């Protein structure tokens, strides 16, 4: 063992190495080039409170959402709180949309009513004008017919000026009559076009009603075939062509078609009964034939047999039975 003296600086370094960094920090000195390790960050008490609050807000991740029992018609259904909120929101949105659509329908109906009212007013004015034109046409036609009786050549010989005046008046009345008749014809054509348009719209509406009851008639070929059968059926029960064409109400059409199909079904029933009868007849029991009745039947058979054959043997058999 070698014992030597330790210098003062060397002794201090050894002490720091033995005791560690803590001793160096307590002494406020550092030894050599070694750096002290950084101390862990200290947690502020306010930060701890924030962390605890966040954890409390998150709640238990394993906690289940509450479930409620609701009645849907006669069935009990289990729904979550989220579903209840979602369904309420959807229902509220649906109610608002429905009210909006209903309001739009009411506005449209009001506008259509106003248009129909204006159209009716125009029709009434047109009808009044047509009546006035008819009166004018009647009056002008009478005047023109009266003017046509004038002998303008003879009148020109007697009074040329008067003949010229009356001829000009006659020509003006003829022109006025032509214009009045043309205007009246235009009004009549317009009324006819409106009536045709209204009839077409009515027929389309009736067709939609019929198809709603008989969806099979949506097929044009099927509809045409059924229409022909309905027309023929109406004619068989006494309707004329004009009356057949006048059947435009969908309700009456369905009633007639139903009656037609019923008659067709009823007409098939007698044939069914006949076929059933041919399969077998119900024979009522009766008393057995007496001896005289049996002999009479045998005699009839022998007579028929002799009549068909003409043989001597059959004649002999007949004589025996007699």
C-alpha atoms as a PDB file:
ATOM      1  CA  UNK A   1       0.000   0.000   0.000  1.00  0.00           C
ATOM      2  CA  UNK A   2       1.414   3.330  -1.010  1.00  0.00           C
ATOM      3  CA  UNK A   3       0.520   6.226   1.113  1.00  0.00           C
ATOM      4  CA  UNK A   4       0.982   9.617  -0.262  1.00  0.00           C
ATOM      5  CA  UNK A   5      -0.237  13.095   0.336  1.00  0.00           C
ATOM      6  CA  UNK A   6      -3.238  14.502  -1.595  1.00  0.00           C
ATOM      7  CA  UNK A   7      -3.143  17.997  -2.722  1.00  0.00           C
ATOM      8  CA  UNK A   8      -5.992  20.270  -1.719  1.00  0.00           C
ATOM      9  CA  UNK A   9      -7.462  20.616  -5.241  1.00  0.00           C
ATOM     10  CA  UNK A  10      -7.241  16.929  -5.878  1.00  0.00           C
ATOM     11  CA  UNK A  11      -8.965  16.109  -2.608  1.00  0.00           C
ATOM     12  CA  UNK A  12     -11.867  18.369  -3.467  1.00  0.00           C
ATOM     13  CA  UNK A  13     -12.346  16.654  -6.820  1.00  0.00           C
ATOM     14  CA  UNK A  14     -12.392  13.226  -5.214  1.00  0.00           C
ATOM     15  CA  UNK A  15     -14.967  14.368  -2.729  1.00  0.00           C
ATOM     16  CA  UNK A  16     -17.228  15.600  -5.504  1.00  0.00           C
ATOM     17  CA  UNK A  17     -16.890  12.315  -7.342  1.00  0.00           C
ATOM     18  CA  UNK A  18     -17.755  10.294  -4.220  1.00  0.00           C
ATOM     19  CA  UNK A  19     -20.639  12.431  -3.016  1.00  0.00           C
ATOM     20  CA  UNK A  20     -22.064  13.053  -6.537  1.00  0.00           C
ATOM     21  CA  UNK A  21     -23.572  16.158  -8.089  1.00  0.00           C
ATOM     22  CA  UNK A  22     -25.782  16.827  -5.095  1.00  0.00           C
ATOM     23  CA  UNK A  23     -22.814  17.726  -2.959  1.00  0.00           C
ATOM     24  CA  UNK A  24     -21.493  19.963  -5.659  1.00  0.00           C
ATOM     25  CA  UNK A  25     -24.827  21.784  -5.838  1.00  0.00           C
ATOM     26  CA  UNK A  26     -24.898  22.183  -2.071  1.00  0.00           C
ATOM     27  CA  UNK A  27     -21.438  23.687  -2.163  1.00  0.00           C
ATOM     28  CA  UNK A  28     -22.369  25.846  -5.129  1.00  0.00           C
ATOM     29  CA  UNK A  29     -19.362  24.601  -7.118  1.00  0.00           C
ATOM     30  CA  UNK A  30     -18.893  22.396 -10.134  1.00  0.00           C
ATOM     31  CA  UNK A  31     -16.069  20.048 -10.692  1.00  0.00           C
ATOM     32  CA  UNK A  32     -14.193  19.838 -14.003  1.00  0.00           C
ATOM     33  CA  UNK A  33     -16.149  19.871 -17.240  1.00  0.00           C
ATOM     34  CA  UNK A  34     -19.088  17.722 -15.910  1.00  0.00           C
ATOM     35  CA  UNK A  35     -22.483  19.428 -16.268  1.00  0.00           C
ATOM     36  CA  UNK A  36     -25.298  18.831 -13.765  1.00  0.00           C
ATOM     37  CA  UNK A  37     -28.371  16.952 -15.090  1.00  0.00           C
ATOM     38  CA  UNK A  38     -31.463  19.056 -15.692  1.00  0.00           C
ATOM     39  CA  UNK A  39     -34.045  18.834 -12.945  1.00  0.00           C
ATOM     40  CA  UNK A  40     -37.521  17.585 -13.930  1.00  0.00           C
ATOM     41  CA  UNK A  41     -40.071  20.259 -14.741  1.00  0.00           C
ATOM     42  CA  UNK A  42     -42.153  21.217 -11.795  1.00  0.00           C
ATOM     43  CA  UNK A  43     -45.976  21.068 -12.218  1.00  0.00           C
ATOM     44  CA  UNK A  44     -47.897  24.190 -11.457  1.00  0.00           C
ATOM     45  CA  UNK A  45     -50.779  23.467  -9.048  1.00  0.00           C
ATOM     46  CA  UNK A  46     -53.156  25.358 -11.387  1.00  0.00           C
ATOM     47  CA  UNK A  47     -52.136  23.028 -14.231  1.00  0.00           C
ATOM     48  CA  UNK A  48     -53.007  20.025 -12.075  1.00  0.00           C
ATOM     49  CA  UNK A  49     -56.477  21.462 -11.547  1.00  0.00           C
ATOM     50  CA  UNK A  50     -56.924  21.924 -15.314  1.00  0.00           C
ATOM     51  CA  UNK A  51     -55.892  18.349 -15.972  1.00  0.00           C
ATOM     52  CA  UNK A  52     -58.306  17.035 -13.373  1.00  0.00           C
ATOM     53  CA  UNK A  53     -61.134  19.096 -14.890  1.00  0.00           C
ATOM     54  CA  UNK A  54     -60.410  17.742 -18.386  1.00  0.00           C
ATOM     55  CA  UNK A  55     -60.493  14.194 -17.114  1.00  0.00           C
ATOM     56  CA  UNK A  56     -63.784  14.826 -15.362  1.00  0.00           C
ATOM     57  CA  UNK A  57     -65.277  16.286 -18.581  1.00  0.00           C
ATOM     58  CA  UNK A  58     -64.255  13.282 -20.629  1.00  0.00           C
ATOM     59  CA  UNK A  59     -66.065  11.024 -18.228  1.00  0.00           C
ATOM     60  CA  UNK A  60     -65.743   7.330 -18.067  1.00  0.00           C
ATOM     61  CA  UNK A  61     -65.064   6.078 -21.590  1.00  0.00           C
ATOM     62  CA  UNK A  62     -66.835   2.842 -20.751  1.00  0.00           C
ATOM     63  CA  UNK A  63     -70.099   4.524 -19.709  1.00  0.00           C
ATOM     64  CA  UNK A  64     -73.069   3.559 -22.004  1.00  0.00           C
ATOM     65  CA  UNK A  65     -75.524   6.070 -23.507  1.00  0.00           C
ATOM     66  CA  UNK A  66     -78.917   6.002 -21.775  1.00  0.00           C
ATOM     67  CA  UNK A  67     -81.655   4.061 -23.582  1.00  0.00           C
ATOM     68  CA  UNK A  68     -85.371   4.919 -23.503  1.00  0.00           C
ATOM     69  CA  UNK A  69     -88.449   2.861 -24.313  1.00  0.00           C
ATOM     70  CA  UNK A  70     -90.921   4.437 -26.708  1.00  0.00           C
ATOM     71  CA  UNK A  71     -94.106   3.106 -28.301  1.00  0.00           C
ATOM     72  CA  UNK A  72     -94.232   3.024 -32.110  1.00  0.00           C
ATOM     73  CA  UNK A  73     -97.787   2.070 -32.872  1.00  0.00           C
ATOM     74  CA  UNK A  74     -98.329  -1.033 -30.762  1.00  0.00           C
ATOM     75  CA  UNK A  75     -94.652  -1.964 -30.632  1.00  0.00           C
ATOM     76  CA  UNK A  76     -92.231  -0.924 -27.911  1.00  0.00           C
ATOM     77  CA  UNK A  77     -88.849   0.192 -29.279  1.00  0.00           C
ATOM     78  CA  UNK A  78     -85.588   0.920 -27.456  1.00  0.00           C
ATOM     79  CA  UNK A  79     -83.901   4.132 -28.604  1.00  0.00           C
ATOM     80  CA  UNK A  80     -80.874   6.054 -27.399  1.00  0.00           C
ATOM     81  CA  UNK A  81     -80.754   9.690 -26.429  1.00  0.00           C
ATOM     82  CA  UNK A  82     -78.948  10.494 -29.684  1.00  0.00           C
ATOM     83  CA  UNK A  83     -81.675   8.790 -31.698  1.00  0.00           C
ATOM     84  CA  UNK A  84     -84.362  10.748 -29.862  1.00  0.00           C
ATOM     85  CA  UNK A  85     -82.672  14.046 -30.610  1.00  0.00           C
ATOM     86  CA  UNK A  86     -82.083  13.079 -34.257  1.00  0.00           C
ATOM     87  CA  UNK A  87     -85.665  11.899 -34.757  1.00  0.00           C
ATOM     88  CA  UNK A  88     -87.038  15.062 -33.193  1.00  0.00           C
ATOM     89  CA  UNK A  89     -84.887  17.200 -35.477  1.00  0.00           C
ATOM     90  CA  UNK A  90     -85.994  15.215 -38.535  1.00  0.00           C
ATOM     91  CA  UNK A  91     -89.642  15.394 -37.465  1.00  0.00           C
ATOM     92  CA  UNK A  92     -89.401  19.126 -36.912  1.00  0.00           C
ATOM     93  CA  UNK A  93     -87.782  19.550 -40.334  1.00  0.00           C
ATOM     94  CA  UNK A  94     -90.472  17.365 -41.924  1.00  0.00           C
ATOM     95  CA  UNK A  95     -93.262  19.395 -40.326  1.00  0.00           C
ATOM     96  CA  UNK A  96     -91.720  22.634 -41.562  1.00  0.00           C
ATOM     97  CA  UNK A  97     -91.295  21.244 -45.082  1.00  0.00           C
ATOM     98  CA  UNK A  98     -94.865  19.922 -45.081  1.00  0.00           C
ATOM     99  CA  UNK A  99     -96.229  23.286 -44.012  1.00  0.00           C
ATOM    100  CA  UNK A 100     -94.165  24.950 -46.714  1.00  0.00           C
ATOM    101  CA  UNK A 101     -95.501  22.604 -49.398  1.00  0.00           C
ATOM    102  CA  UNK A 102     -99.062  23.061 -48.122  1.00  0.00           C
ATOM    103  CA  UNK A 103     -98.619  26.827 -48.282  1.00  0.00           C
ATOM    104  CA  UNK A 104     -97.354  26.535 -51.839  1.00  0.00           C
ATOM    105  CA  UNK A 105    -100.378  24.395 -52.736  1.00  0.00           C
ATOM    106  CA  UNK A 106    -102.724  26.952 -51.243  1.00  0.00           C
ATOM    107  CA  UNK A 107    -101.012  29.757 -53.123  1.00  0.00           C
ATOM    108  CA  UNK A 108    -101.183  27.777 -56.351  1.00  0.00           C
ATOM    109  CA  UNK A 109    -104.855  26.959 -55.786  1.00  0.00           C
ATOM    110  CA  UNK A 110    -105.553  30.633 -55.125  1.00  0.00           C
ATOM    111  CA  UNK A 111    -103.760  31.644 -58.314  1.00  0.00           C
ATOM    112  CA  UNK A 112    -105.622  29.000 -60.313  1.00  0.00           C
ATOM    113  CA  UNK A 113    -108.903  30.248 -58.858  1.00  0.00           C
ATOM    114  CA  UNK A 114    -108.035  33.807 -59.871  1.00  0.00           C
ATOM    115  CA  UNK A 115    -107.094  32.651 -63.371  1.00  0.00           C
ATOM    116  CA  UNK A 116    -110.307  30.656 -63.665  1.00  0.00           C
ATOM    117  CA  UNK A 117    -112.273  33.680 -62.490  1.00  0.00           C
ATOM    118  CA  UNK A 118    -110.601  35.902 -65.061  1.00  0.00           C
ATOM    119  CA  UNK A 119    -111.123  33.265 -67.749  1.00  0.00           C
ATOM    120  CA  UNK A 120    -114.781  33.006 -66.865  1.00  0.00           C
ATOM    121  CA  UNK A 121    -115.100  36.763 -67.066  1.00  0.00           C
ATOM    122  CA  UNK A 122    -113.478  36.753 -70.512  1.00  0.00           C
ATOM    123  CA  UNK A 123    -115.818  33.991 -71.630  1.00  0.00           C
ATOM    124  CA  UNK A 124    -118.844  35.933 -70.467  1.00  0.00           C
ATOM    125  CA  UNK A 125    -117.674  39.065 -72.270  1.00  0.00           C
ATOM    126  CA  UNK A 126    -116.986  37.015 -75.388  1.00  0.00           C
ATOM    127  CA  UNK A 127    -120.439  35.451 -75.225  1.00  0.00           C
ATOM    128  CA  UNK A 128    -122.023  38.885 -74.824  1.00  0.00           C
ATOM    129  CA  UNK A 129    -120.048  40.196 -77.795  1.00  0.00           C
ATOM    130  CA  UNK A 130    -121.053  37.162 -79.837  1.00  0.00           C
ATOM    131  CA  UNK A 131    -124.707  37.804 -79.067  1.00  0.00           C
ATOM    132  CA  UNK A 132    -124.351  41.438 -80.097  1.00  0.00           C
ATOM    133  CA  UNK A 133    -122.612  40.392 -83.290  1.00  0.00           C
ATOM    134  CA  UNK A 134    -125.412  37.962 -84.048  1.00  0.00           C
ATOM    135  CA  UNK A 135    -127.937  40.769 -83.710  1.00  0.00           C
ATOM    136  CA  UNK A 136    -125.826  43.021 -85.948  1.00  0.00           C
ATOM    137  CA  UNK A 137    -125.454  40.255 -88.529  1.00  0.00           C
ATOM    138  CA  UNK A 138    -129.186  39.633 -88.551  1.00  0.00           C
ATOM    139  CA  UNK A 139    -129.925  43.326 -89.020  1.00  0.00           C
ATOM    140  CA  UNK A 140    -127.294  43.866 -91.709  1.00  0.00           C
ATOM    141  CA  UNK A 141    -128.381  40.763 -93.579  1.00  0.00           C
ATOM    142  CA  UNK A 142    -131.952  42.034 -93.705  1.00  0.00           C
ATOM    143  CA  UNK A 143    -130.778  45.399 -95.012  1.00  0.00           C
ATOM    144  CA  UNK A 144    -128.507  43.796 -97.605  1.00  0.00           C
ATOM    145  CA  UNK A 145    -131.341  41.550 -98.771  1.00  0.00           C
ATOM    146  CA  UNK A 146    -133.551  44.599 -99.082  1.00  0.00           C
ATOM    147  CA  UNK A 147    -130.878  46.496-101.015  1.00  0.00           C
ATOM    148  CA  UNK A 148    -130.423  43.564-103.383  1.00  0.00           C
ATOM    149  CA  UNK A 149    -133.995  44.096-104.571  1.00  0.00           C
ATOM    150  CA  UNK A 150    -133.229  47.585-105.897  1.00  0.00           C
ATOM    151  CA  UNK A 151    -132.882  47.890-109.645  1.00  0.00           C
ATOM    152  CA  UNK A 152    -129.890  50.181-109.752  1.00  0.00           C
ATOM    153  CA  UNK A 153    -129.895  50.380-113.574  1.00  0.00           C
ATOM    154  CA  UNK A 154    -133.454  51.677-113.704  1.00  0.00           C
ATOM    155  CA  UNK A 155    -132.781  54.032-110.821  1.00  0.00           C
ATOM    156  CA  UNK A 156    -129.675  55.333-112.609  1.00  0.00           C
ATOM    157  CA  UNK A 157    -131.802  56.238-115.634  1.00  0.00           C
ATOM    158  CA  UNK A 158    -134.235  58.173-113.475  1.00  0.00           C
ATOM    159  CA  UNK A 159    -131.806  59.702-110.954  1.00  0.00           C
ATOM    160  CA  UNK A 160    -128.127  58.866-111.404  1.00  0.00           C
ATOM    161  CA  UNK A 161    -127.069  60.658-108.218  1.00  0.00           C
ATOM    162  CA  UNK A 162    -129.582  58.789-106.078  1.00  0.00           C
ATOM    163  CA  UNK A 163    -128.670  55.519-107.706  1.00  0.00           C
ATOM    164  CA  UNK A 164    -124.992  56.150-106.950  1.00  0.00           C
ATOM    165  CA  UNK A 165    -125.746  57.032-103.326  1.00  0.00           C
ATOM    166  CA  UNK A 166    -127.923  53.988-102.688  1.00  0.00           C
ATOM    167  CA  UNK A 167    -125.410  51.704-104.427  1.00  0.00           C
ATOM    168  CA  UNK A 168    -122.596  53.005-102.205  1.00  0.00           C
ATOM    169  CA  UNK A 169    -124.747  52.457 -99.098  1.00  0.00           C
ATOM    170  CA  UNK A 170    -125.547  48.954-100.303  1.00  0.00           C
ATOM    171  CA  UNK A 171    -121.846  48.140-100.805  1.00  0.00           C
ATOM    172  CA  UNK A 172    -120.946  49.461 -97.340  1.00  0.00           C
ATOM    173  CA  UNK A 173    -123.601  47.308 -95.717  1.00  0.00           C
ATOM    174  CA  UNK A 174    -122.348  44.256 -97.591  1.00  0.00           C
ATOM    175  CA  UNK A 175    -118.801  44.929 -96.345  1.00  0.00           C
ATOM    176  CA  UNK A 176    -120.048  45.478 -92.772  1.00  0.00           C
ATOM    177  CA  UNK A 177    -122.008  42.242 -92.960  1.00  0.00           C
ATOM    178  CA  UNK A 178    -118.938  40.328 -94.154  1.00  0.00           C
ATOM    179  CA  UNK A 179    -116.791  41.734 -91.322  1.00  0.00           C
ATOM    180  CA  UNK A 180    -119.468  40.993 -88.708  1.00  0.00           C
ATOM    181  CA  UNK A 181    -119.852  37.428 -89.941  1.00  0.00           C
ATOM    182  CA  UNK A 182    -116.065  36.956 -89.921  1.00  0.00           C
ATOM    183  CA  UNK A 183    -115.794  38.255 -86.339  1.00  0.00           C
ATOM    184  CA  UNK A 184    -118.639  36.034 -85.214  1.00  0.00           C
ATOM    185  CA  UNK A 185    -116.998  33.022 -86.854  1.00  0.00           C
ATOM    186  CA  UNK A 186    -113.708  33.755 -85.083  1.00  0.00           C
ATOM    187  CA  UNK A 187    -115.502  33.905 -81.735  1.00  0.00           C
ATOM    188  CA  UNK A 188    -117.284  30.639 -82.420  1.00  0.00           C
ATOM    189  CA  UNK A 189    -113.997  28.957 -83.381  1.00  0.00           C
ATOM    190  CA  UNK A 190    -112.350  30.283 -80.220  1.00  0.00           C
ATOM    191  CA  UNK A 191    -115.189  28.989 -78.075  1.00  0.00           C
ATOM    192  CA  UNK A 192    -114.990  25.626 -79.824  1.00  0.00           C
ATOM    193  CA  UNK A 193    -111.236  25.452 -79.196  1.00  0.00           C
ATOM    194  CA  UNK A 194    -111.736  26.270 -75.507  1.00  0.00           C
ATOM    195  CA  UNK A 195    -114.425  23.625 -75.211  1.00  0.00           C
ATOM    196  CA  UNK A 196    -112.183  21.048 -76.893  1.00  0.00           C
ATOM    197  CA  UNK A 197    -109.292  21.933 -74.597  1.00  0.00           C
ATOM    198  CA  UNK A 198    -111.485  21.705 -71.508  1.00  0.00           C
ATOM    199  CA  UNK A 199    -112.929  18.386 -72.687  1.00  0.00           C
ATOM    200  CA  UNK A 200    -109.443  16.955 -73.317  1.00  0.00           C
ATOM    201  CA  UNK A 201    -108.304  18.016 -69.842  1.00  0.00           C
ATOM    202  CA  UNK A 202    -111.427  16.447 -68.335  1.00  0.00           C
ATOM    203  CA  UNK A 203    -110.899  13.218 -70.274  1.00  0.00           C
ATOM    204  CA  UNK A 204    -107.280  13.001 -69.104  1.00  0.00           C
ATOM    205  CA  UNK A 205    -108.377  13.484 -65.510  1.00  0.00           C
ATOM    206  CA  UNK A 206    -111.031  10.780 -65.860  1.00  0.00           C
ATOM    207  CA  UNK A 207    -108.465   8.437 -67.430  1.00  0.00           C
ATOM    208  CA  UNK A 208    -106.166   8.939 -64.435  1.00  0.00           C
ATOM    209  CA  UNK A 209    -109.040   8.109 -62.087  1.00  0.00           C
ATOM    210  CA  UNK A 210    -109.872   4.949 -64.038  1.00  0.00           C
ATOM    211  CA  UNK A 211    -106.243   3.798 -64.028  1.00  0.00           C
ATOM    212  CA  UNK A 212    -106.034   4.391 -60.277  1.00  0.00           C
ATOM    213  CA  UNK A 213    -108.831   1.817 -59.886  1.00  0.00           C
ATOM    214  CA  UNK A 214    -107.767  -0.441 -62.794  1.00  0.00           C
ATOM    215  CA  UNK A 215    -103.942  -0.258 -63.044  1.00  0.00           C
ATOM    216  CA  UNK A 216    -103.970  -2.873 -65.818  1.00  0.00           C
ATOM    217  CA  UNK A 217    -105.532  -0.288 -68.138  1.00  0.00           C
ATOM    218  CA  UNK A 218    -102.302   1.733 -68.069  1.00  0.00           C
ATOM    219  CA  UNK A 219    -101.323  -0.481 -71.008  1.00  0.00           C
ATOM    220  CA  UNK A 220    -102.646   1.336 -74.132  1.00  0.00           C
ATOM    221  CA  UNK A 221    -103.438  -1.909 -75.953  1.00  0.00           C
ATOM    222  CA  UNK A 222    -105.380  -3.246 -72.956  1.00  0.00           C
ATOM    223  CA  UNK A 223    -107.193   0.075 -72.548  1.00  0.00           C
ATOM    224  CA  UNK A 224    -108.209   0.137 -76.235  1.00  0.00           C
ATOM    225  CA  UNK A 225    -109.444  -3.450 -76.108  1.00  0.00           C
ATOM    226  CA  UNK A 226    -111.482  -2.804 -72.952  1.00  0.00           C
ATOM    227  CA  UNK A 227    -112.919   0.425 -74.396  1.00  0.00           C
ATOM    228  CA  UNK A 228    -114.105  -1.443 -77.491  1.00  0.00           C
ATOM    229  CA  UNK A 229    -115.770  -4.063 -75.287  1.00  0.00           C
ATOM    230  CA  UNK A 230    -117.484  -1.382 -73.192  1.00  0.00           C
ATOM    231  CA  UNK A 231    -118.755   0.391 -76.327  1.00  0.00           C
ATOM    232  CA  UNK A 232    -120.080  -2.876 -77.767  1.00  0.00           C
ATOM    233  CA  UNK A 233    -121.748  -3.721 -74.448  1.00  0.00           C
ATOM    234  CA  UNK A 234    -123.506  -0.359 -74.323  1.00  0.00           C
ATOM    235  CA  UNK A 235    -124.829  -0.879 -77.823  1.00  0.00           C
ATOM    236  CA  UNK A 236    -126.180  -4.319 -76.904  1.00  0.00           C
ATOM    237  CA  UNK A 237    -128.242  -2.786 -74.085  1.00  0.00           C
ATOM    238  CA  UNK A 238    -129.732  -0.073 -76.299  1.00  0.00           C
ATOM    239  CA  UNK A 239    -127.323   2.878 -76.396  1.00  0.00           C
ATOM    240  CA  UNK A 240    -126.795   4.623 -79.735  1.00  0.00           C
ATOM    241  CA  UNK A 241    -123.446   5.858 -81.056  1.00  0.00           C
ATOM    242  CA  UNK A 242    -123.907   9.402 -79.773  1.00  0.00           C
ATOM    243  CA  UNK A 243    -124.810   8.192 -76.296  1.00  0.00           C
ATOM    244  CA  UNK A 244    -121.818   5.842 -76.279  1.00  0.00           C
ATOM    245  CA  UNK A 245    -119.472   8.718 -77.164  1.00  0.00           C
ATOM    246  CA  UNK A 246    -121.074  10.776 -74.412  1.00  0.00           C
ATOM    247  CA  UNK A 247    -119.894   8.391 -71.703  1.00  0.00           C
ATOM    248  CA  UNK A 248    -116.920  10.381 -70.389  1.00  0.00           C
ATOM    249  CA  UNK A 249    -117.408  10.226 -66.621  1.00  0.00           C
ATOM    250  CA  UNK A 250    -114.848   7.789 -65.191  1.00  0.00           C
ATOM    251  CA  UNK A 251    -117.198   6.649 -62.428  1.00  0.00           C
ATOM    252  CA  UNK A 252    -119.934   5.692 -64.890  1.00  0.00           C
ATOM    253  CA  UNK A 253    -117.381   4.024 -67.163  1.00  0.00           C
ATOM    254  CA  UNK A 254    -116.139   1.818 -64.318  1.00  0.00           C
ATOM    255  CA  UNK A 255    -119.720   0.937 -63.412  1.00  0.00           C
ATOM    256  CA  UNK A 256    -120.547  -0.067 -66.995  1.00  0.00           C
ATOM    257  CA  UNK A 257    -117.365  -2.140 -67.299  1.00  0.00           C
ATOM    258  CA  UNK A 258    -118.157  -3.876 -64.030  1.00  0.00           C
ATOM    259  CA  UNK A 259    -121.661  -4.699 -65.264  1.00  0.00           C
ATOM    260  CA  UNK A 260    -120.208  -5.993 -68.543  1.00  0.00           C
ATOM    261  CA  UNK A 261    -117.767  -8.321 -66.805  1.00  0.00           C
ATOM    262  CA  UNK A 262    -120.535  -9.549 -64.503  1.00  0.00           C
ATOM    263  CA  UNK A 263    -122.752 -10.404 -67.476  1.00  0.00           C
ATOM    264  CA  UNK A 264    -119.881 -12.268 -69.121  1.00  0.00           C
ATOM    265  CA  UNK A 265    -119.359 -14.259 -65.941  1.00  0.00           C
ATOM    266  CA  UNK A 266    -123.055 -15.044 -65.616  1.00  0.00           C
ATOM    267  CA  UNK A 267    -123.239 -16.157 -69.237  1.00  0.00           C
ATOM    268  CA  UNK A 268    -120.622 -18.821 -68.569  1.00  0.00           C
ATOM    269  CA  UNK A 269    -122.470 -20.375 -65.628  1.00  0.00           C
ATOM    270  CA  UNK A 270    -125.157 -22.402 -67.541  1.00  0.00           C
ATOM    271  CA  UNK A 271    -122.423 -24.176 -69.485  1.00  0.00           C
ATOM    272  CA  UNK A 272    -120.715 -25.111 -66.248  1.00  0.00           C
ATOM    273  CA  UNK A 273    -123.945 -26.545 -64.864  1.00  0.00           C
ATOM    274  CA  UNK A 274    -124.497 -28.592 -68.043  1.00  0.00           C
ATOM    275  CA  UNK A 275    -121.010 -30.064 -67.818  1.00  0.00           C
ATOM    276  CA  UNK A 276    -121.625 -31.025 -64.215  1.00  0.00           C
ATOM    277  CA  UNK A 277    -124.879 -32.737 -65.138  1.00  0.00           C
ATOM    278  CA  UNK A 278    -123.153 -34.813 -67.791  1.00  0.00           C
ATOM    279  CA  UNK A 279    -120.785 -36.230 -65.218  1.00  0.00           C
ATOM    280  CA  UNK A 280    -123.585 -38.011 -63.440  1.00  0.00           C
ATOM    281  CA  UNK A 281    -127.334 -37.951 -62.766  1.00  0.00           C
ATOM    282  CA  UNK A 282    -129.003 -38.300 -59.447  1.00  0.00           C
ATOM    283  CA  UNK A 283    -131.399 -41.281 -59.754  1.00  0.00           C
ATOM    284  CA  UNK A 284    -134.166 -41.478 -57.236  1.00  0.00           C
ATOM    285  CA  UNK A 285    -134.935 -44.949 -55.900  1.00  0.00           C
ATOM    286  CA  UNK A 286    -138.261 -46.400 -57.004  1.00  0.00           C
ATOM    287  CA  UNK A 287    -140.246 -49.585 -56.663  1.00  0.00           C
ATOM    288  CA  UNK A 288    -139.256 -52.529 -58.927  1.00  0.00           C
ATOM    289  CA  UNK A 289    -141.264 -53.099 -62.083  1.00  0.00           C
ATOM    290  CA  UNK A 290    -144.172 -55.492 -61.927  1.00  0.00           C
ATOM    291  CA  UNK A 291    -144.274 -58.638 -64.102  1.00  0.00           C
ATOM    292  CA  UNK A 292    -146.611 -57.078 -66.645  1.00  0.00           C
ATOM    293  CA  UNK A 293    -144.397 -53.991 -66.998  1.00  0.00           C
ATOM    294  CA  UNK A 294    -141.321 -56.134 -67.507  1.00  0.00           C
ATOM    295  CA  UNK A 295    -143.094 -58.230 -70.123  1.00  0.00           C
ATOM    296  CA  UNK A 296    -144.276 -55.109 -71.904  1.00  0.00           C
ATOM    297  CA  UNK A 297    -140.711 -53.767 -72.061  1.00  0.00           C
ATOM    298  CA  UNK A 298    -139.428 -57.040 -73.479  1.00  0.00           C
ATOM    299  CA  UNK A 299    -142.188 -57.019 -76.073  1.00  0.00           C
ATOM    300  CA  UNK A 300    -141.229 -53.519 -77.146  1.00  0.00           C
ATOM    301  CA  UNK A 301    -137.611 -54.565 -77.522  1.00  0.00           C
ATOM    302  CA  UNK A 302    -138.605 -57.554 -79.666  1.00  0.00           C
ATOM    303  CA  UNK A 303    -140.783 -55.441 -81.896  1.00  0.00           C
ATOM    304  CA  UNK A 304    -137.972 -52.969 -82.499  1.00  0.00           C
ATOM    305  CA  UNK A 305    -135.540 -55.776 -83.186  1.00  0.00           C
ATOM    306  CA  UNK A 306    -137.896 -57.366 -85.752  1.00  0.00           C
ATOM    307  CA  UNK A 307    -138.474 -54.017 -87.383  1.00  0.00           C
ATOM    308  CA  UNK A 308    -134.780 -53.484 -87.935  1.00  0.00           C
ATOM    309  CA  UNK A 309    -133.840 -57.053 -88.972  1.00  0.00           C
ATOM    310  CA  UNK A 310    -136.977 -58.539 -90.632  1.00  0.00           C
ATOM    311  CA  UNK A 311    -135.758 -62.064 -89.896  1.00  0.00           C
ATOM    312  CA  UNK A 312    -137.976 -65.096 -89.267  1.00  0.00           C
ATOM    313  CA  UNK A 313    -136.234 -65.853 -85.985  1.00  0.00           C
ATOM    314  CA  UNK A 314    -137.043 -62.417 -84.558  1.00  0.00           C
ATOM    315  CA  UNK A 315    -140.644 -62.806 -85.700  1.00  0.00           C
ATOM    316  CA  UNK A 316    -140.849 -66.133 -83.923  1.00  0.00           C
ATOM    317  CA  UNK A 317    -139.474 -64.640 -80.741  1.00  0.00           C
ATOM    318  CA  UNK A 318    -142.073 -61.899 -80.872  1.00  0.00           C
ATOM    319  CA  UNK A 319    -144.874 -64.468 -81.252  1.00  0.00           C
ATOM    320  CA  UNK A 320    -143.598 -66.305 -78.203  1.00  0.00           C
ATOM    321  CA  UNK A 321    -143.744 -63.208 -76.032  1.00  0.00           C
ATOM    322  CA  UNK A 322    -147.253 -62.405 -77.123  1.00  0.00           C
END
